[in-house]
């Protein structure tokens, strides 16, 4: 199967770049733009009447601060965390 796909790609290699260009032009013409969305706390990615935004506003009104943070701290080790390090991280 992969050899057939490779053969087809090699035969049609001169059409790959024009196909990507046509696809990009069609997407620009037909997909909605992010700049058309109204400004909001999340940059317009969520609707203004989203239940998650409503819950966040209620938390701020009730407690003076949001209940959920939009920032996460990630512990990373390129070679992987040991079992003890994973256990400590989960217990925190």
PDB file of N, CA and C in Angstrom:
ATOM      1  N   UNK A   1       0.823  -1.191   0.000  1.00  0.00           N
ATOM      2  CA  UNK A   1       0.000   0.000   0.000  1.00  0.00           C
ATOM      3  C   UNK A   1       0.868   1.256   0.000  1.00  0.00           C
ATOM      4  N   UNK A   2       1.908   1.290   0.859  1.00  0.00           N
ATOM      5  CA  UNK A   2       2.750   2.482   0.919  1.00  0.00           C
ATOM      6  C   UNK A   2       3.586   2.645  -0.353  1.00  0.00           C
ATOM      7  N   UNK A   3       3.979   1.522  -0.968  1.00  0.00           N
ATOM      8  CA  UNK A   3       4.738   1.636  -2.212  1.00  0.00           C
ATOM      9  C   UNK A   3       3.864   2.192  -3.329  1.00  0.00           C
ATOM     10  N   UNK A   4       2.575   1.846  -3.294  1.00  0.00           N
ATOM     11  CA  UNK A   4       1.653   2.384  -4.296  1.00  0.00           C
ATOM     12  C   UNK A   4       1.446   3.884  -4.088  1.00  0.00           C
ATOM     13  N   UNK A   5       1.334   4.303  -2.820  1.00  0.00           N
ATOM     14  CA  UNK A   5       1.179   5.720  -2.512  1.00  0.00           C
ATOM     15  C   UNK A   5       2.437   6.491  -2.904  1.00  0.00           C
ATOM     16  N   UNK A   6       3.604   5.910  -2.648  1.00  0.00           N
ATOM     17  CA  UNK A   6       4.861   6.561  -3.022  1.00  0.00           C
ATOM     18  C   UNK A   6       4.959   6.678  -4.540  1.00  0.00           C
ATOM     19  N   UNK A   7       4.577   5.631  -5.246  1.00  0.00           N
ATOM     20  CA  UNK A   7       4.609   5.668  -6.711  1.00  0.00           C
ATOM     21  C   UNK A   7       3.689   6.766  -7.233  1.00  0.00           C
ATOM     22  N   UNK A   8       2.463   6.850  -6.668  1.00  0.00           N
ATOM     23  CA  UNK A   8       1.494   7.853  -7.099  1.00  0.00           C
ATOM     24  C   UNK A   8       2.004   9.261  -6.797  1.00  0.00           C
ATOM     25  N   UNK A   9       2.595   9.453  -5.626  1.00  0.00           N
ATOM     26  CA  UNK A   9       3.133  10.757  -5.258  1.00  0.00           C
ATOM     27  C   UNK A   9       4.261  11.170  -6.203  1.00  0.00           C
ATOM     28  N   UNK A  10       5.103  10.234  -6.566  1.00  0.00           N
ATOM     29  CA  UNK A  10       6.201  10.551  -7.489  1.00  0.00           C
ATOM     30  C   UNK A  10       5.667  10.883  -8.879  1.00  0.00           C
ATOM     31  N   UNK A  11       4.632  10.200  -9.311  1.00  0.00           N
ATOM     32  CA  UNK A  11       4.058  10.470 -10.626  1.00  0.00           C
ATOM     33  C   UNK A  11       3.360  11.832 -10.657  1.00  0.00           C
ATOM     34  N   UNK A  12       2.770  12.222  -9.545  1.00  0.00           N
ATOM     35  CA  UNK A  12       2.012  13.471  -9.488  1.00  0.00           C
ATOM     36  C   UNK A  12       2.746  14.574  -8.734  1.00  0.00           C
ATOM     37  N   UNK A  13       4.056  14.439  -8.580  1.00  0.00           N
ATOM     38  CA  UNK A  13       4.828  15.370  -7.748  1.00  0.00           C
ATOM     39  C   UNK A  13       4.728  16.814  -8.214  1.00  0.00           C
ATOM     40  N   UNK A  14       4.534  17.047  -9.503  1.00  0.00           N
ATOM     41  CA  UNK A  14       4.435  18.419  -9.994  1.00  0.00           C
ATOM     42  C   UNK A  14       3.080  19.042  -9.682  1.00  0.00           C
ATOM     43  N   UNK A  15       2.120  18.238  -9.239  1.00  0.00           N
ATOM     44  CA  UNK A  15       0.803  18.758  -8.893  1.00  0.00           C
ATOM     45  C   UNK A  15       0.622  18.982  -7.399  1.00  0.00           C
ATOM     46  N   UNK A  16       1.569  18.530  -6.583  1.00  0.00           N
ATOM     47  CA  UNK A  16       1.421  18.633  -5.130  1.00  0.00           C
ATOM     48  C   UNK A  16       1.409  20.092  -4.671  1.00  0.00           C
ATOM     49  N   UNK A  17       2.373  20.874  -5.101  1.00  0.00           N
ATOM     50  CA  UNK A  17       2.447  22.283  -4.670  1.00  0.00           C
ATOM     51  C   UNK A  17       1.251  23.085  -5.199  1.00  0.00           C
ATOM     52  N   UNK A  18       0.888  22.968  -6.473  1.00  0.00           N
ATOM     53  CA  UNK A  18      -0.315  23.696  -6.915  1.00  0.00           C
ATOM     54  C   UNK A  18      -1.579  23.251  -6.171  1.00  0.00           C
ATOM     55  N   UNK A  19      -1.680  21.978  -5.821  1.00  0.00           N
ATOM     56  CA  UNK A  19      -2.847  21.509  -5.071  1.00  0.00           C
ATOM     57  C   UNK A  19      -2.895  22.162  -3.687  1.00  0.00           C
ATOM     58  N   UNK A  20      -1.743  22.291  -3.008  1.00  0.00           N
ATOM     59  CA  UNK A  20      -1.691  22.968  -1.708  1.00  0.00           C
ATOM     60  C   UNK A  20      -2.092  24.442  -1.858  1.00  0.00           C
ATOM     61  N   UNK A  21      -1.648  25.081  -2.919  1.00  0.00           N
ATOM     62  CA  UNK A  21      -1.975  26.487  -3.141  1.00  0.00           C
ATOM     63  C   UNK A  21      -3.475  26.646  -3.375  1.00  0.00           C
ATOM     64  N   UNK A  22      -4.053  25.778  -4.215  1.00  0.00           N
ATOM     65  CA  UNK A  22      -5.496  25.834  -4.472  1.00  0.00           C
ATOM     66  C   UNK A  22      -6.267  25.589  -3.176  1.00  0.00           C
ATOM     67  N   UNK A  23      -5.815  24.612  -2.379  1.00  0.00           N
ATOM     68  CA  UNK A  23      -6.476  24.333  -1.106  1.00  0.00           C
ATOM     69  C   UNK A  23      -6.426  25.523  -0.164  1.00  0.00           C
ATOM     70  N   UNK A  24      -5.282  26.194  -0.099  1.00  0.00           N
ATOM     71  CA  UNK A  24      -5.145  27.367   0.777  1.00  0.00           C
ATOM     72  C   UNK A  24      -6.054  28.503   0.314  1.00  0.00           C
ATOM     73  N   UNK A  25      -6.129  28.723  -0.979  1.00  0.00           N
ATOM     74  CA  UNK A  25      -6.996  29.782  -1.510  1.00  0.00           C
ATOM     75  C   UNK A  25      -8.457  29.465  -1.207  1.00  0.00           C
ATOM     76  N   UNK A  26      -8.870  28.215  -1.400  1.00  0.00           N
ATOM     77  CA  UNK A  26     -10.252  27.831  -1.106  1.00  0.00           C
ATOM     78  C   UNK A  26     -10.578  28.005   0.369  1.00  0.00           C
ATOM     79  N   UNK A  27      -9.641  27.670   1.262  1.00  0.00           N
ATOM     80  CA  UNK A  27      -9.875  27.847   2.695  1.00  0.00           C
ATOM     81  C   UNK A  27     -10.019  29.319   3.056  1.00  0.00           C
ATOM     82  N   UNK A  28      -9.182  30.166   2.480  1.00  0.00           N
ATOM     83  CA  UNK A  28      -9.271  31.601   2.766  1.00  0.00           C
ATOM     84  C   UNK A  28     -10.606  32.160   2.285  1.00  0.00           C
ATOM     85  N   UNK A  29     -11.091  31.649   1.166  1.00  0.00           N
ATOM     86  CA  UNK A  29     -12.339  32.159   0.603  1.00  0.00           C
ATOM     87  C   UNK A  29     -13.571  31.667   1.366  1.00  0.00           C
ATOM     88  N   UNK A  30     -13.538  30.439   1.894  1.00  0.00           N
ATOM     89  CA  UNK A  30     -14.754  29.840   2.423  1.00  0.00           C
ATOM     90  C   UNK A  30     -14.811  29.670   3.941  1.00  0.00           C
ATOM     91  N   UNK A  31     -13.687  29.640   4.622  1.00  0.00           N
ATOM     92  CA  UNK A  31     -13.710  29.482   6.070  1.00  0.00           C
ATOM     93  C   UNK A  31     -13.876  30.835   6.754  1.00  0.00           C
ATOM     94  N   UNK A  32     -14.553  30.869   7.905  1.00  0.00           N
ATOM     95  CA  UNK A  32     -14.736  32.157   8.596  1.00  0.00           C
ATOM     96  C   UNK A  32     -13.416  32.660   9.174  1.00  0.00           C
ATOM     97  N   UNK A  33     -13.276  33.957   9.222  1.00  0.00           N
ATOM     98  CA  UNK A  33     -12.057  34.572   9.753  1.00  0.00           C
ATOM     99  C   UNK A  33     -12.201  34.782  11.252  1.00  0.00           C
ATOM    100  N   UNK A  34     -11.106  34.695  11.987  1.00  0.00           N
ATOM    101  CA  UNK A  34     -11.123  34.960  13.418  1.00  0.00           C
ATOM    102  C   UNK A  34     -11.278  36.443  13.713  1.00  0.00           C
ATOM    103  N   UNK A  35     -10.937  37.303  12.770  1.00  0.00           N
ATOM    104  CA  UNK A  35     -11.005  38.741  13.008  1.00  0.00           C
ATOM    105  C   UNK A  35     -12.440  39.246  13.019  1.00  0.00           C
ATOM    106  N   UNK A  36     -13.391  38.444  12.524  1.00  0.00           N
ATOM    107  CA  UNK A  36     -14.792  38.859  12.507  1.00  0.00           C
ATOM    108  C   UNK A  36     -15.474  38.658  13.853  1.00  0.00           C
ATOM    109  N   UNK A  37     -14.812  37.959  14.775  1.00  0.00           N
ATOM    110  CA  UNK A  37     -15.441  37.646  16.051  1.00  0.00           C
ATOM    111  C   UNK A  37     -15.290  38.828  17.008  1.00  0.00           C
ATOM    112  N   UNK A  38     -16.284  39.006  17.892  1.00  0.00           N
ATOM    113  CA  UNK A  38     -16.178  40.103  18.869  1.00  0.00           C
ATOM    114  C   UNK A  38     -15.099  39.808  19.909  1.00  0.00           C
ATOM    115  N   UNK A  39     -14.544  40.866  20.452  1.00  0.00           N
ATOM    116  CA  UNK A  39     -13.506  40.711  21.476  1.00  0.00           C
ATOM    117  C   UNK A  39     -14.115  40.165  22.758  1.00  0.00           C
ATOM    118  N   UNK A  40     -13.394  39.264  23.425  1.00  0.00           N
ATOM    119  CA  UNK A  40     -13.846  38.727  24.711  1.00  0.00           C
ATOM    120  C   UNK A  40     -12.618  38.373  25.533  1.00  0.00           C
ATOM    121  N   UNK A  41     -12.861  37.842  26.749  1.00  0.00           N
ATOM    122  CA  UNK A  41     -11.754  37.494  27.633  1.00  0.00           C
ATOM    123  C   UNK A  41     -10.855  36.417  27.007  1.00  0.00           C
ATOM    124  N   UNK A  42     -11.426  35.583  26.166  1.00  0.00           N
ATOM    125  CA  UNK A  42     -10.670  34.475  25.572  1.00  0.00           C
ATOM    126  C   UNK A  42     -10.272  34.761  24.142  1.00  0.00           C
ATOM    127  N   UNK A  43     -10.259  36.007  23.754  1.00  0.00           N
ATOM    128  CA  UNK A  43      -9.821  36.360  22.415  1.00  0.00           C
ATOM    129  C   UNK A  43     -10.820  36.006  21.333  1.00  0.00           C
ATOM    130  N   UNK A  44     -12.084  35.857  21.683  1.00  0.00           N
ATOM    131  CA  UNK A  44     -13.099  35.563  20.695  1.00  0.00           C
ATOM    132  C   UNK A  44     -13.188  34.100  20.314  1.00  0.00           C
ATOM    133  N   UNK A  45     -12.453  33.237  20.993  1.00  0.00           N
ATOM    134  CA  UNK A  45     -12.489  31.816  20.657  1.00  0.00           C
ATOM    135  C   UNK A  45     -13.703  31.122  21.257  1.00  0.00           C
ATOM    136  N   UNK A  46     -14.256  31.681  22.321  1.00  0.00           N
ATOM    137  CA  UNK A  46     -15.469  31.142  22.943  1.00  0.00           C
ATOM    138  C   UNK A  46     -16.602  32.135  22.744  1.00  0.00           C
ATOM    139  N   UNK A  47     -17.822  31.640  22.581  1.00  0.00           N
ATOM    140  CA  UNK A  47     -18.944  32.573  22.491  1.00  0.00           C
ATOM    141  C   UNK A  47     -19.132  33.334  23.807  1.00  0.00           C
ATOM    142  N   UNK A  48     -19.635  34.538  23.726  1.00  0.00           N
ATOM    143  CA  UNK A  48     -19.795  35.372  24.918  1.00  0.00           C
ATOM    144  C   UNK A  48     -20.777  34.763  25.916  1.00  0.00           C
ATOM    145  N   UNK A  49     -21.717  33.917  25.447  1.00  0.00           N
ATOM    146  CA  UNK A  49     -22.700  33.308  26.343  1.00  0.00           C
ATOM    147  C   UNK A  49     -22.306  31.893  26.759  1.00  0.00           C
ATOM    148  N   UNK A  50     -21.026  31.567  26.675  1.00  0.00           N
ATOM    149  CA  UNK A  50     -20.527  30.243  27.052  1.00  0.00           C
ATOM    150  C   UNK A  50     -20.747  29.980  28.535  1.00  0.00           C
ATOM    151  N   UNK A  51     -21.123  28.751  28.880  1.00  0.00           N
ATOM    152  CA  UNK A  51     -21.354  28.419  30.292  1.00  0.00           C
ATOM    153  C   UNK A  51     -20.061  28.475  31.100  1.00  0.00           C
ATOM    154  N   UNK A  52     -18.935  28.168  30.474  1.00  0.00           N
ATOM    155  CA  UNK A  52     -17.676  28.234  31.214  1.00  0.00           C
ATOM    156  C   UNK A  52     -17.318  29.676  31.562  1.00  0.00           C
ATOM    157  N   UNK A  53     -17.566  30.602  30.645  1.00  0.00           N
ATOM    158  CA  UNK A  53     -17.314  32.011  30.950  1.00  0.00           C
ATOM    159  C   UNK A  53     -18.289  32.525  31.999  1.00  0.00           C
ATOM    160  N   UNK A  54     -19.532  32.050  31.944  1.00  0.00           N
ATOM    161  CA  UNK A  54     -20.518  32.442  32.946  1.00  0.00           C
ATOM    162  C   UNK A  54     -20.081  31.978  34.336  1.00  0.00           C
ATOM    163  N   UNK A  55     -19.594  30.735  34.432  1.00  0.00           N
ATOM    164  CA  UNK A  55     -19.128  30.211  35.721  1.00  0.00           C
ATOM    165  C   UNK A  55     -17.924  30.998  36.220  1.00  0.00           C
ATOM    166  N   UNK A  56     -17.041  31.389  35.310  1.00  0.00           N
ATOM    167  CA  UNK A  56     -15.878  32.170  35.726  1.00  0.00           C
ATOM    168  C   UNK A  56     -16.299  33.544  36.238  1.00  0.00           C
ATOM    169  N   UNK A  57     -17.235  34.184  35.556  1.00  0.00           N
ATOM    170  CA  UNK A  57     -17.726  35.491  36.017  1.00  0.00           C
ATOM    171  C   UNK A  57     -18.389  35.379  37.389  1.00  0.00           C
ATOM    172  N   UNK A  58     -19.168  34.314  37.592  1.00  0.00           N
ATOM    173  CA  UNK A  58     -19.817  34.114  38.896  1.00  0.00           C
ATOM    174  C   UNK A  58     -18.784  33.889  40.000  1.00  0.00           C
ATOM    175  N   UNK A  59     -17.708  33.160  39.682  1.00  0.00           N
ATOM    176  CA  UNK A  59     -16.647  32.944  40.660  1.00  0.00           C
ATOM    177  C   UNK A  59     -15.951  34.232  41.040  1.00  0.00           C
ATOM    178  N   UNK A  60     -15.719  35.091  40.057  1.00  0.00           N
ATOM    179  CA  UNK A  60     -15.089  36.385  40.327  1.00  0.00           C
ATOM    180  C   UNK A  60     -16.021  37.248  41.172  1.00  0.00           C
ATOM    181  N   UNK A  61     -17.318  37.237  40.845  1.00  0.00           N
ATOM    182  CA  UNK A  61     -18.275  38.050  41.606  1.00  0.00           C
ATOM    183  C   UNK A  61     -18.402  37.554  43.044  1.00  0.00           C
ATOM    184  N   UNK A  62     -18.368  36.243  43.229  1.00  0.00           N
ATOM    185  CA  UNK A  62     -18.566  35.676  44.563  1.00  0.00           C
ATOM    186  C   UNK A  62     -17.302  35.725  45.410  1.00  0.00           C
ATOM    187  N   UNK A  63     -16.174  35.315  44.814  1.00  0.00           N
ATOM    188  CA  UNK A  63     -14.941  35.164  45.589  1.00  0.00           C
ATOM    189  C   UNK A  63     -13.903  36.242  45.329  1.00  0.00           C
ATOM    190  N   UNK A  64     -14.132  37.077  44.334  1.00  0.00           N
ATOM    191  CA  UNK A  64     -13.175  38.134  44.030  1.00  0.00           C
ATOM    192  C   UNK A  64     -12.026  37.681  43.159  1.00  0.00           C
ATOM    193  N   UNK A  65     -11.999  36.422  42.799  1.00  0.00           N
ATOM    194  CA  UNK A  65     -10.953  35.881  41.942  1.00  0.00           C
ATOM    195  C   UNK A  65     -11.528  34.687  41.171  1.00  0.00           C
ATOM    196  N   UNK A  66     -11.003  34.391  40.000  1.00  0.00           N
ATOM    197  CA  UNK A  66     -11.524  33.228  39.280  1.00  0.00           C
ATOM    198  C   UNK A  66     -11.212  31.932  40.022  1.00  0.00           C
ATOM    199  N   UNK A  67     -12.132  30.981  39.949  1.00  0.00           N
ATOM    200  CA  UNK A  67     -11.916  29.695  40.614  1.00  0.00           C
ATOM    201  C   UNK A  67     -10.914  28.833  39.851  1.00  0.00           C
ATOM    202  N   UNK A  68     -10.868  28.996  38.553  1.00  0.00           N
ATOM    203  CA  UNK A  68      -9.959  28.214  37.725  1.00  0.00           C
ATOM    204  C   UNK A  68      -8.888  29.115  37.146  1.00  0.00           C
ATOM    205  N   UNK A  69      -7.678  28.651  37.150  1.00  0.00           N
ATOM    206  CA  UNK A  69      -6.584  29.420  36.582  1.00  0.00           C
ATOM    207  C   UNK A  69      -6.406  29.036  35.123  1.00  0.00           C
ATOM    208  N   UNK A  70      -6.026  29.980  34.308  1.00  0.00           N
ATOM    209  CA  UNK A  70      -5.737  29.691  32.903  1.00  0.00           C
ATOM    210  C   UNK A  70      -4.263  29.380  32.705  1.00  0.00           C
ATOM    211  N   UNK A  71      -3.532  29.264  33.790  1.00  0.00           N
ATOM    212  CA  UNK A  71      -2.106  28.970  33.727  1.00  0.00           C
ATOM    213  C   UNK A  71      -1.868  27.606  34.351  1.00  0.00           C
ATOM    214  N   UNK A  72      -1.043  26.807  33.705  1.00  0.00           N
ATOM    215  CA  UNK A  72      -0.682  25.498  34.239  1.00  0.00           C
ATOM    216  C   UNK A  72       0.829  25.431  34.400  1.00  0.00           C
ATOM    217  N   UNK A  73       1.260  24.761  35.451  1.00  0.00           N
ATOM    218  CA  UNK A  73       2.685  24.527  35.655  1.00  0.00           C
ATOM    219  C   UNK A  73       2.932  23.058  35.351  1.00  0.00           C
ATOM    220  N   UNK A  74       3.884  22.800  34.476  1.00  0.00           N
ATOM    221  CA  UNK A  74       4.162  21.440  34.035  1.00  0.00           C
ATOM    222  C   UNK A  74       5.578  21.070  34.433  1.00  0.00           C
ATOM    223  N   UNK A  75       5.724  19.940  35.110  1.00  0.00           N
ATOM    224  CA  UNK A  75       7.043  19.432  35.454  1.00  0.00           C
ATOM    225  C   UNK A  75       7.482  18.519  34.327  1.00  0.00           C
ATOM    226  N   UNK A  76       8.667  18.796  33.774  1.00  0.00           N
ATOM    227  CA  UNK A  76       9.119  18.055  32.599  1.00  0.00           C
ATOM    228  C   UNK A  76      10.563  17.592  32.782  1.00  0.00           C
ATOM    229  N   UNK A  77      10.801  16.384  32.404  1.00  0.00           N
ATOM    230  CA  UNK A  77      12.157  15.826  32.407  1.00  0.00           C
ATOM    231  C   UNK A  77      12.333  15.116  31.061  1.00  0.00           C
ATOM    232  N   UNK A  78      13.337  15.525  30.262  1.00  0.00           N
ATOM    233  CA  UNK A  78      13.499  14.928  28.930  1.00  0.00           C
ATOM    234  C   UNK A  78      13.609  13.400  28.951  1.00  0.00           C
ATOM    235  N   UNK A  79      14.216  12.839  29.988  1.00  0.00           N
ATOM    236  CA  UNK A  79      14.381  11.381  30.050  1.00  0.00           C
ATOM    237  C   UNK A  79      13.225  10.706  30.787  1.00  0.00           C
ATOM    238  N   UNK A  80      12.217  11.464  31.168  1.00  0.00           N
ATOM    239  CA  UNK A  80      11.075  10.905  31.878  1.00  0.00           C
ATOM    240  C   UNK A  80      11.248  11.046  33.384  1.00  0.00           C
ATOM    241  N   UNK A  81      10.133  11.193  34.076  1.00  0.00           N
ATOM    242  CA  UNK A  81      10.159  11.326  35.528  1.00  0.00           C
ATOM    243  C   UNK A  81      10.230   9.941  36.165  1.00  0.00           C
ATOM    244  N   UNK A  82      10.962   9.838  37.272  1.00  0.00           N
ATOM    245  CA  UNK A  82      11.015   8.566  37.985  1.00  0.00           C
ATOM    246  C   UNK A  82       9.673   8.312  38.661  1.00  0.00           C
ATOM    247  N   UNK A  83       9.461   7.097  39.104  1.00  0.00           N
ATOM    248  CA  UNK A  83       8.203   6.743  39.755  1.00  0.00           C
ATOM    249  C   UNK A  83       7.980   7.593  41.001  1.00  0.00           C
ATOM    250  N   UNK A  84       9.047   7.816  41.790  1.00  0.00           N
ATOM    251  CA  UNK A  84       8.922   8.639  43.000  1.00  0.00           C
ATOM    252  C   UNK A  84       8.560  10.088  42.665  1.00  0.00           C
ATOM    253  N   UNK A  85       9.177  10.637  41.615  1.00  0.00           N
ATOM    254  CA  UNK A  85       8.856  12.005  41.208  1.00  0.00           C
ATOM    255  C   UNK A  85       7.402  12.109  40.739  1.00  0.00           C
ATOM    256  N   UNK A  86       6.929  11.121  40.025  1.00  0.00           N
ATOM    257  CA  UNK A  86       5.532  11.110  39.586  1.00  0.00           C
ATOM    258  C   UNK A  86       4.592  11.039  40.782  1.00  0.00           C
ATOM    259  N   UNK A  87       4.968  10.204  41.754  1.00  0.00           N
ATOM    260  CA  UNK A  87       4.150  10.034  42.950  1.00  0.00           C
ATOM    261  C   UNK A  87       4.064  11.346  43.737  1.00  0.00           C
ATOM    262  N   UNK A  88       5.217  12.037  43.902  1.00  0.00           N
ATOM    263  CA  UNK A  88       5.227  13.333  44.605  1.00  0.00           C
ATOM    264  C   UNK A  88       4.398  14.375  43.868  1.00  0.00           C
ATOM    265  N   UNK A  89       4.512  14.402  42.541  1.00  0.00           N
ATOM    266  CA  UNK A  89       3.761  15.373  41.755  1.00  0.00           C
ATOM    267  C   UNK A  89       2.259  15.145  41.887  1.00  0.00           C
ATOM    268  N   UNK A  90       1.848  13.892  41.890  1.00  0.00           N
ATOM    269  CA  UNK A  90       0.425  13.581  42.033  1.00  0.00           C
ATOM    270  C   UNK A  90      -0.092  13.884  43.432  1.00  0.00           C
ATOM    271  N   UNK A  91       0.760  13.700  44.435  1.00  0.00           N
ATOM    272  CA  UNK A  91       0.307  13.961  45.797  1.00  0.00           C
ATOM    273  C   UNK A  91       0.148  15.459  46.056  1.00  0.00           C
ATOM    274  N   UNK A  92       0.878  16.285  45.320  1.00  0.00           N
ATOM    275  CA  UNK A  92       0.746  17.738  45.467  1.00  0.00           C
ATOM    276  C   UNK A  92      -0.563  18.171  44.888  1.00  0.00           C
TER     277      UNK A  92
END
